[in-house]
Amino acid sequence: LAENFEECFKIYADMILNPEFKKEELDRE
């Protein structure tokens, strides 16, 4: 929804700019 766009965009921006690729997540994925 338009009212939630900024909060959702912030989450995606953080995902793209700051991924951790932690070993436990990497091995699971």
Full PDB file with SEQRES, HELIX, SHEET, SSBOND, CRYST1, ORIGX, SCALE, CONECT and MASTER records, all heavy atoms in Angstrom:
SEQRES   1 A   29  LEU ALA GLU ASN PHE GLU GLU CYS PHE LYS ILE TYR ALA          
SEQRES   2 A   29  ASP MET ILE LEU ASN PRO GLU PHE LYS LYS GLU GLU LEU          
SEQRES   3 A   29  ASP ARG GLU                                                  
HELIX    1 AA1 ALA A    2  ASN A    4  5                                   3    
HELIX    2 AA2 PHE A    5  LEU A   17  1                                  13    
HELIX    3 AA3 LYS A   23  ARG A   28  1                                   6    
CRYST1    1.000    1.000    1.000  90.00  90.00  90.00 P 1           1          
ORIGX1      1.000000  0.000000  0.000000        0.00000                         
ORIGX2      0.000000  1.000000  0.000000        0.00000                         
ORIGX3      0.000000  0.000000  1.000000        0.00000                         
SCALE1      1.000000  0.000000  0.000000        0.00000                         
SCALE2      0.000000  1.000000  0.000000        0.00000                         
SCALE3      0.000000  0.000000  1.000000        0.00000                         
ATOM      1  N   LEU A   1       0.839  -1.188   0.000  1.00  0.00           N  
ATOM      2  CA  LEU A   1       0.000   0.000   0.000  1.00  0.00           C  
ATOM      3  C   LEU A   1       0.881   1.248   0.000  1.00  0.00           C  
ATOM      4  O   LEU A   1       1.968   1.254   0.587  1.00  0.00           O  
ATOM      5  CB  LEU A   1      -0.906   0.000   1.221  1.00  0.00           C  
ATOM      6  CG  LEU A   1      -1.928  -1.151   1.305  1.00  0.00           C  
ATOM      7  CD1 LEU A   1      -2.709  -1.060   2.613  1.00  0.00           C  
ATOM      8  CD2 LEU A   1      -2.872  -1.129   0.114  1.00  0.00           C  
ATOM      9  N   ALA A   2       0.375   2.296  -0.647  1.00  0.00           N  
ATOM     10  CA  ALA A   2       1.156   3.525  -0.764  1.00  0.00           C  
ATOM     11  C   ALA A   2       1.586   4.052   0.603  1.00  0.00           C  
ATOM     12  O   ALA A   2       2.703   4.555   0.763  1.00  0.00           O  
ATOM     13  CB  ALA A   2       0.348   4.583  -1.517  1.00  0.00           C  
ATOM     14  N   GLU A   3       0.748   3.890   1.613  1.00  0.00           N  
ATOM     15  CA  GLU A   3       1.056   4.417   2.944  1.00  0.00           C  
ATOM     16  C   GLU A   3       2.246   3.709   3.605  1.00  0.00           C  
ATOM     17  O   GLU A   3       2.864   4.246   4.525  1.00  0.00           O  
ATOM     18  CB  GLU A   3      -0.173   4.300   3.848  1.00  0.00           C  
ATOM     19  CG  GLU A   3      -0.603   2.865   4.071  1.00  0.00           C  
ATOM     20  CD  GLU A   3      -2.022   2.752   4.600  1.00  0.00           C  
ATOM     21  OE1 GLU A   3      -2.962   3.130   3.875  1.00  0.00           O  
ATOM     22  OE2 GLU A   3      -2.173   2.284   5.741  1.00  0.00           O  
ATOM     23  N   ASN A   4       2.563   2.478   3.130  1.00  0.00           N  
ATOM     24  CA  ASN A   4       3.652   1.707   3.711  1.00  0.00           C  
ATOM     25  C   ASN A   4       4.898   1.658   2.831  1.00  0.00           C  
ATOM     26  O   ASN A   4       5.860   0.948   3.150  1.00  0.00           O  
ATOM     27  CB  ASN A   4       3.197   0.272   3.995  1.00  0.00           C  
ATOM     28  CG  ASN A   4       2.103   0.212   5.043  1.00  0.00           C  
ATOM     29  OD1 ASN A   4       2.097   1.019   5.974  1.00  0.00           O  
ATOM     30  ND2 ASN A   4       1.179  -0.712   4.894  1.00  0.00           N  
ATOM     31  N   PHE A   5       4.891   2.430   1.747  1.00  0.00           N  
ATOM     32  CA  PHE A   5       5.981   2.329   0.780  1.00  0.00           C  
ATOM     33  C   PHE A   5       7.337   2.660   1.392  1.00  0.00           C  
ATOM     34  O   PHE A   5       8.313   1.932   1.213  1.00  0.00           O  
ATOM     35  CB  PHE A   5       5.715   3.251  -0.418  1.00  0.00           C  
ATOM     36  CG  PHE A   5       6.923   3.452  -1.286  1.00  0.00           C  
ATOM     37  CD1 PHE A   5       7.358   2.446  -2.132  1.00  0.00           C  
ATOM     38  CD2 PHE A   5       7.664   4.626  -1.217  1.00  0.00           C  
ATOM     39  CE1 PHE A   5       8.491   2.612  -2.916  1.00  0.00           C  
ATOM     40  CE2 PHE A   5       8.796   4.805  -1.998  1.00  0.00           C  
ATOM     41  CZ  PHE A   5       9.211   3.791  -2.844  1.00  0.00           C  
ATOM     42  N   GLU A   6       7.430   3.760   2.129  1.00  0.00           N  
ATOM     43  CA  GLU A   6       8.741   4.187   2.626  1.00  0.00           C  
ATOM     44  C   GLU A   6       9.346   3.138   3.552  1.00  0.00           C  
ATOM     45  O   GLU A   6      10.553   2.843   3.454  1.00  0.00           O  
ATOM     46  CB  GLU A   6       8.640   5.532   3.348  1.00  0.00           C  
ATOM     47  CG  GLU A   6       9.998   6.033   3.811  1.00  0.00           C  
ATOM     48  CD  GLU A   6       9.984   7.486   4.266  1.00  0.00           C  
ATOM     49  OE1 GLU A   6       8.895   8.103   4.297  1.00  0.00           O  
ATOM     50  OE2 GLU A   6      11.074   8.014   4.583  1.00  0.00           O  
ATOM     51  N   GLU A   7       8.551   2.565   4.442  1.00  0.00           N  
ATOM     52  CA  GLU A   7       9.082   1.570   5.368  1.00  0.00           C  
ATOM     53  C   GLU A   7       9.543   0.318   4.624  1.00  0.00           C  
ATOM     54  O   GLU A   7      10.591  -0.251   4.941  1.00  0.00           O  
ATOM     55  CB  GLU A   7       8.034   1.207   6.417  1.00  0.00           C  
ATOM     56  CG  GLU A   7       7.702   2.334   7.382  1.00  0.00           C  
ATOM     57  CD  GLU A   7       8.920   2.869   8.103  1.00  0.00           C  
ATOM     58  OE1 GLU A   7       9.802   2.057   8.472  1.00  0.00           O  
ATOM     59  OE2 GLU A   7       9.013   4.097   8.291  1.00  0.00           O  
ATOM     60  N   CYS A   8       8.784  -0.114   3.634  1.00  0.00           N  
ATOM     61  CA  CYS A   8       9.169  -1.295   2.855  1.00  0.00           C  
ATOM     62  C   CYS A   8      10.426  -1.018   2.031  1.00  0.00           C  
ATOM     63  O   CYS A   8      11.308  -1.877   1.909  1.00  0.00           O  
ATOM     64  CB  CYS A   8       8.029  -1.729   1.943  1.00  0.00           C  
ATOM     65  SG  CYS A   8       6.598  -2.392   2.832  1.00  0.00           S  
ATOM     66  N   PHE A   9      10.512   0.179   1.474  1.00  0.00           N  
ATOM     67  CA  PHE A   9      11.692   0.522   0.670  1.00  0.00           C  
ATOM     68  C   PHE A   9      12.949   0.546   1.537  1.00  0.00           C  
ATOM     69  O   PHE A   9      14.018   0.106   1.106  1.00  0.00           O  
ATOM     70  CB  PHE A   9      11.498   1.869  -0.020  1.00  0.00           C  
ATOM     71  CG  PHE A   9      12.572   2.179  -1.027  1.00  0.00           C  
ATOM     72  CD1 PHE A   9      12.467   1.715  -2.329  1.00  0.00           C  
ATOM     73  CD2 PHE A   9      13.703   2.903  -0.665  1.00  0.00           C  
ATOM     74  CE1 PHE A   9      13.470   1.971  -3.256  1.00  0.00           C  
ATOM     75  CE2 PHE A   9      14.707   3.167  -1.573  1.00  0.00           C  
ATOM     76  CZ  PHE A   9      14.591   2.693  -2.876  1.00  0.00           C  
ATOM     77  N   LYS A  10      12.828   1.040   2.762  1.00  0.00           N  
ATOM     78  CA  LYS A  10      13.976   1.060   3.673  1.00  0.00           C  
ATOM     79  C   LYS A  10      14.496  -0.357   3.923  1.00  0.00           C  
ATOM     80  O   LYS A  10      15.709  -0.580   4.001  1.00  0.00           O  
ATOM     81  CB  LYS A  10      13.577   1.712   4.989  1.00  0.00           C  
ATOM     82  CG  LYS A  10      13.419   3.214   4.934  1.00  0.00           C  
ATOM     83  CD  LYS A  10      13.011   3.761   6.297  1.00  0.00           C  
ATOM     84  CE  LYS A  10      12.869   5.276   6.266  1.00  0.00           C  
ATOM     85  NZ  LYS A  10      12.440   5.807   7.591  1.00  0.00           N  
ATOM     86  N   ILE A  11      13.591  -1.302   4.066  1.00  0.00           N  
ATOM     87  CA  ILE A  11      13.985  -2.701   4.299  1.00  0.00           C  
ATOM     88  C   ILE A  11      14.733  -3.244   3.088  1.00  0.00           C  
ATOM     89  O   ILE A  11      15.803  -3.848   3.218  1.00  0.00           O  
ATOM     90  CB  ILE A  11      12.748  -3.558   4.606  1.00  0.00           C  
ATOM     91  CG1 ILE A  11      12.100  -3.104   5.910  1.00  0.00           C  
ATOM     92  CG2 ILE A  11      13.114  -5.043   4.682  1.00  0.00           C  
ATOM     93  CD1 ILE A  11      10.717  -3.678   6.146  1.00  0.00           C  
ATOM     94  N   TYR A  12      14.198  -3.010   1.899  1.00  0.00           N  
ATOM     95  CA  TYR A  12      14.861  -3.493   0.680  1.00  0.00           C  
ATOM     96  C   TYR A  12      16.222  -2.807   0.487  1.00  0.00           C  
ATOM     97  O   TYR A  12      17.195  -3.437   0.070  1.00  0.00           O  
ATOM     98  CB  TYR A  12      13.967  -3.252  -0.540  1.00  0.00           C  
ATOM     99  CG  TYR A  12      13.271  -4.504  -1.016  1.00  0.00           C  
ATOM    100  CD1 TYR A  12      12.494  -5.261  -0.150  1.00  0.00           C  
ATOM    101  CD2 TYR A  12      13.393  -4.941  -2.325  1.00  0.00           C  
ATOM    102  CE1 TYR A  12      11.866  -6.415  -0.577  1.00  0.00           C  
ATOM    103  CE2 TYR A  12      12.765  -6.088  -2.772  1.00  0.00           C  
ATOM    104  CZ  TYR A  12      11.993  -6.825  -1.892  1.00  0.00           C  
ATOM    105  OH  TYR A  12      11.377  -7.976  -2.311  1.00  0.00           O  
ATOM    106  N   ALA A  13      16.298  -1.530   0.791  1.00  0.00           N  
ATOM    107  CA  ALA A  13      17.560  -0.808   0.642  1.00  0.00           C  
ATOM    108  C   ALA A  13      18.613  -1.399   1.568  1.00  0.00           C  
ATOM    109  O   ALA A  13      19.780  -1.585   1.170  1.00  0.00           O  
ATOM    110  CB  ALA A  13      17.352   0.669   0.943  1.00  0.00           C  
ATOM    111  N   ASP A  14      18.230  -1.706   2.795  1.00  0.00           N  
ATOM    112  CA  ASP A  14      19.174  -2.304   3.738  1.00  0.00           C  
ATOM    113  C   ASP A  14      19.618  -3.680   3.269  1.00  0.00           C  
ATOM    114  O   ASP A  14      20.806  -4.030   3.350  1.00  0.00           O  
ATOM    115  CB  ASP A  14      18.508  -2.399   5.116  1.00  0.00           C  
ATOM    116  CG  ASP A  14      19.490  -2.783   6.208  1.00  0.00           C  
ATOM    117  OD1 ASP A  14      20.695  -2.492   6.062  1.00  0.00           O  
ATOM    118  OD2 ASP A  14      19.053  -3.394   7.204  1.00  0.00           O  
ATOM    119  N   MET A  15      18.684  -4.470   2.742  1.00  0.00           N  
ATOM    120  CA  MET A  15      19.023  -5.792   2.206  1.00  0.00           C  
ATOM    121  C   MET A  15      20.070  -5.688   1.111  1.00  0.00           C  
ATOM    122  O   MET A  15      21.032  -6.462   1.072  1.00  0.00           O  
ATOM    123  CB  MET A  15      17.760  -6.453   1.628  1.00  0.00           C  
ATOM    124  CG  MET A  15      16.788  -7.000   2.635  1.00  0.00           C  
ATOM    125  SD  MET A  15      15.164  -7.342   1.870  1.00  0.00           S  
ATOM    126  CE  MET A  15      15.615  -8.038   0.295  1.00  0.00           C  
ATOM    127  N   ILE A  16      19.885  -4.737   0.212  1.00  0.00           N  
ATOM    128  CA  ILE A  16      20.766  -4.628  -0.959  1.00  0.00           C  
ATOM    129  C   ILE A  16      22.123  -4.046  -0.596  1.00  0.00           C  
ATOM    130  O   ILE A  16      23.157  -4.476  -1.106  1.00  0.00           O  
ATOM    131  CB  ILE A  16      20.065  -3.784  -2.046  1.00  0.00           C  
ATOM    132  CG1 ILE A  16      18.915  -4.591  -2.654  1.00  0.00           C  
ATOM    133  CG2 ILE A  16      21.048  -3.333  -3.118  1.00  0.00           C  
ATOM    134  CD1 ILE A  16      17.956  -3.778  -3.475  1.00  0.00           C  
ATOM    135  N   LEU A  17      22.134  -3.089   0.325  1.00  0.00           N  
ATOM    136  CA  LEU A  17      23.384  -2.412   0.668  1.00  0.00           C  
ATOM    137  C   LEU A  17      24.209  -3.141   1.719  1.00  0.00           C  
ATOM    138  O   LEU A  17      25.441  -3.069   1.711  1.00  0.00           O  
ATOM    139  CB  LEU A  17      23.082  -0.995   1.163  1.00  0.00           C  
ATOM    140  CG  LEU A  17      22.540  -0.013   0.131  1.00  0.00           C  
ATOM    141  CD1 LEU A  17      22.038   1.245   0.823  1.00  0.00           C  
ATOM    142  CD2 LEU A  17      23.602   0.336  -0.903  1.00  0.00           C  
ATOM    143  N   ASN A  18      23.529  -3.850   2.620  1.00  0.00           N  
ATOM    144  CA  ASN A  18      24.238  -4.377   3.797  1.00  0.00           C  
ATOM    145  C   ASN A  18      24.002  -5.860   4.057  1.00  0.00           C  
ATOM    146  O   ASN A  18      23.802  -6.258   5.211  1.00  0.00           O  
ATOM    147  CB  ASN A  18      23.810  -3.572   5.040  1.00  0.00           C  
ATOM    148  CG  ASN A  18      24.006  -2.082   4.854  1.00  0.00           C  
ATOM    149  OD1 ASN A  18      25.111  -1.631   4.568  1.00  0.00           O  
ATOM    150  ND2 ASN A  18      22.928  -1.320   5.014  1.00  0.00           N  
ATOM    151  N   PRO A  19      24.028  -6.712   3.065  1.00  0.00           N  
ATOM    152  CA  PRO A  19      23.822  -8.142   3.338  1.00  0.00           C  
ATOM    153  C   PRO A  19      25.021  -8.710   4.104  1.00  0.00           C  
ATOM    154  O   PRO A  19      26.157  -8.341   3.843  1.00  0.00           O  
ATOM    155  CB  PRO A  19      23.709  -8.748   1.942  1.00  0.00           C  
ATOM    156  CG  PRO A  19      24.532  -7.850   1.071  1.00  0.00           C  
ATOM    157  CD  PRO A  19      24.327  -6.466   1.642  1.00  0.00           C  
ATOM    158  N   GLU A  20      24.751  -9.624   5.032  1.00  0.00           N  
ATOM    159  CA  GLU A  20      25.805 -10.190   5.859  1.00  0.00           C  
ATOM    160  C   GLU A  20      26.381 -11.484   5.297  1.00  0.00           C  
ATOM    161  O   GLU A  20      27.559 -11.773   5.466  1.00  0.00           O  
ATOM    162  CB  GLU A  20      25.259 -10.459   7.273  1.00  0.00           C  
ATOM    163  CG  GLU A  20      25.149  -9.217   8.135  1.00  0.00           C  
ATOM    164  CD  GLU A  20      26.496  -8.785   8.687  1.00  0.00           C  
ATOM    165  OE1 GLU A  20      27.183  -8.026   7.976  1.00  0.00           O  
ATOM    166  OE2 GLU A  20      26.860  -9.197   9.804  1.00  0.00           O  
ATOM    167  N   PHE A  21      25.533 -12.279   4.637  1.00  0.00           N  
ATOM    168  CA  PHE A  21      25.964 -13.591   4.136  1.00  0.00           C  
ATOM    169  C   PHE A  21      26.591 -14.417   5.270  1.00  0.00           C  
ATOM    170  O   PHE A  21      27.684 -14.967   5.131  1.00  0.00           O  
ATOM    171  CB  PHE A  21      26.970 -13.449   2.993  1.00  0.00           C  
ATOM    172  CG  PHE A  21      26.384 -12.935   1.693  1.00  0.00           C  
ATOM    173  CD1 PHE A  21      25.138 -12.325   1.656  1.00  0.00           C  
ATOM    174  CD2 PHE A  21      27.089 -13.039   0.515  1.00  0.00           C  
ATOM    175  CE1 PHE A  21      24.605 -11.848   0.464  1.00  0.00           C  
ATOM    176  CE2 PHE A  21      26.572 -12.564  -0.685  1.00  0.00           C  
ATOM    177  CZ  PHE A  21      25.326 -11.962  -0.705  1.00  0.00           C  
ATOM    178  N   LYS A  22      25.896 -14.491   6.400  1.00  0.00           N  
ATOM    179  CA  LYS A  22      26.408 -15.248   7.535  1.00  0.00           C  
ATOM    180  C   LYS A  22      26.538 -16.722   7.185  1.00  0.00           C  
ATOM    181  O   LYS A  22      25.726 -17.265   6.441  1.00  0.00           O  
ATOM    182  CB  LYS A  22      25.485 -15.071   8.742  1.00  0.00           C  
ATOM    183  CG  LYS A  22      25.494 -13.665   9.305  1.00  0.00           C  
ATOM    184  CD  LYS A  22      24.540 -13.539  10.487  1.00  0.00           C  
ATOM    185  CE  LYS A  22      24.548 -12.120  11.046  1.00  0.00           C  
ATOM    186  NZ  LYS A  22      23.574 -11.966  12.160  1.00  0.00           N  
ATOM    187  N   LYS A  23      27.546 -17.372   7.768  1.00  0.00           N  
ATOM    188  CA  LYS A  23      27.852 -18.754   7.405  1.00  0.00           C  
ATOM    189  C   LYS A  23      26.660 -19.680   7.616  1.00  0.00           C  
ATOM    190  O   LYS A  23      26.351 -20.505   6.758  1.00  0.00           O  
ATOM    191  CB  LYS A  23      29.053 -19.259   8.211  1.00  0.00           C  
ATOM    192  CG  LYS A  23      29.487 -20.667   7.806  1.00  0.00           C  
ATOM    193  CD  LYS A  23      30.667 -21.145   8.601  1.00  0.00           C  
ATOM    194  CE  LYS A  23      31.173 -22.486   8.079  1.00  0.00           C  
ATOM    195  NZ  LYS A  23      30.122 -23.526   8.022  1.00  0.00           N  
ATOM    196  N   GLU A  24      25.967 -19.542   8.744  1.00  0.00           N  
ATOM    197  CA  GLU A  24      24.850 -20.446   9.007  1.00  0.00           C  
ATOM    198  C   GLU A  24      23.715 -20.262   7.998  1.00  0.00           C  
ATOM    199  O   GLU A  24      23.085 -21.223   7.562  1.00  0.00           O  
ATOM    200  CB  GLU A  24      24.329 -20.272  10.433  1.00  0.00           C  
ATOM    201  CG  GLU A  24      23.819 -18.887  10.781  1.00  0.00           C  
ATOM    202  CD  GLU A  24      24.881 -17.972  11.352  1.00  0.00           C  
ATOM    203  OE1 GLU A  24      26.090 -18.187  11.060  1.00  0.00           O  
ATOM    204  OE2 GLU A  24      24.511 -17.031  12.080  1.00  0.00           O  
ATOM    205  N   GLU A  25      23.490 -19.009   7.593  1.00  0.00           N  
ATOM    206  CA  GLU A  25      22.467 -18.739   6.577  1.00  0.00           C  
ATOM    207  C   GLU A  25      22.936 -19.223   5.210  1.00  0.00           C  
ATOM    208  O   GLU A  25      22.159 -19.759   4.422  1.00  0.00           O  
ATOM    209  CB  GLU A  25      22.148 -17.247   6.532  1.00  0.00           C  
ATOM    210  CG  GLU A  25      21.443 -16.705   7.755  1.00  0.00           C  
ATOM    211  CD  GLU A  25      19.995 -17.175   7.874  1.00  0.00           C  
ATOM    212  OE1 GLU A  25      19.511 -17.865   6.958  1.00  0.00           O  
ATOM    213  OE2 GLU A  25      19.358 -16.837   8.882  1.00  0.00           O  
ATOM    214  N   LEU A  26      24.215 -19.004   4.926  1.00  0.00           N  
ATOM    215  CA  LEU A  26      24.774 -19.432   3.646  1.00  0.00           C  
ATOM    216  C   LEU A  26      24.666 -20.938   3.485  1.00  0.00           C  
ATOM    217  O   LEU A  26      24.216 -21.440   2.441  1.00  0.00           O  
ATOM    218  CB  LEU A  26      26.234 -18.982   3.562  1.00  0.00           C  
ATOM    219  CG  LEU A  26      26.952 -19.171   2.220  1.00  0.00           C  
ATOM    220  CD1 LEU A  26      26.323 -18.306   1.155  1.00  0.00           C  
ATOM    221  CD2 LEU A  26      28.427 -18.847   2.373  1.00  0.00           C  
ATOM    222  N   ASP A  27      25.042 -21.675   4.519  1.00  0.00           N  
ATOM    223  CA  ASP A  27      24.999 -23.135   4.436  1.00  0.00           C  
ATOM    224  C   ASP A  27      23.573 -23.654   4.332  1.00  0.00           C  
ATOM    225  O   ASP A  27      23.308 -24.628   3.620  1.00  0.00           O  
ATOM    226  CB  ASP A  27      25.689 -23.741   5.663  1.00  0.00           C  
ATOM    227  CG  ASP A  27      27.197 -23.525   5.651  1.00  0.00           C  
ATOM    228  OD1 ASP A  27      27.736 -23.244   4.554  1.00  0.00           O  
ATOM    229  OD2 ASP A  27      27.833 -23.621   6.718  1.00  0.00           O  
ATOM    230  N   ARG A  28      22.643 -23.010   5.031  1.00  0.00           N  
ATOM    231  CA  ARG A  28      21.246 -23.420   4.949  1.00  0.00           C  
ATOM    232  C   ARG A  28      20.673 -23.142   3.560  1.00  0.00           C  
ATOM    233  O   ARG A  28      19.955 -23.963   2.987  1.00  0.00           O  
ATOM    234  CB  ARG A  28      20.437 -22.694   6.021  1.00  0.00           C  
ATOM    235  CG  ARG A  28      18.984 -23.111   6.085  1.00  0.00           C  
ATOM    236  CD  ARG A  28      18.305 -22.714   7.385  1.00  0.00           C  
ATOM    237  NE  ARG A  28      18.718 -21.410   7.881  1.00  0.00           N  
ATOM    238  CZ  ARG A  28      19.298 -21.224   9.062  1.00  0.00           C  
ATOM    239  NH1 ARG A  28      19.548 -22.245   9.858  1.00  0.00           N  
ATOM    240  NH2 ARG A  28      19.620 -19.995   9.463  1.00  0.00           N  
ATOM    241  N   GLU A  29      21.033 -21.973   3.015  1.00  0.00           N  
ATOM    242  CA  GLU A  29      20.469 -21.595   1.713  1.00  0.00           C  
ATOM    243  C   GLU A  29      21.064 -22.403   0.571  1.00  0.00           C  
ATOM    244  O   GLU A  29      20.424 -22.560  -0.477  1.00  0.00           O  
ATOM    245  CB  GLU A  29      20.655 -20.099   1.475  1.00  0.00           C  
ATOM    246  CG  GLU A  29      19.657 -19.493   0.503  1.00  0.00           C  
ATOM    247  CD  GLU A  29      18.211 -19.604   0.963  1.00  0.00           C  
ATOM    248  OE1 GLU A  29      17.970 -19.733   2.187  1.00  0.00           O  
ATOM    249  OE2 GLU A  29      17.306 -19.557   0.100  1.00  0.00           O  
TER     250      GLU A  29                                                      
MASTER        0    0    0    3    0    0    0    6  249    1    0    3          
END                                                                             
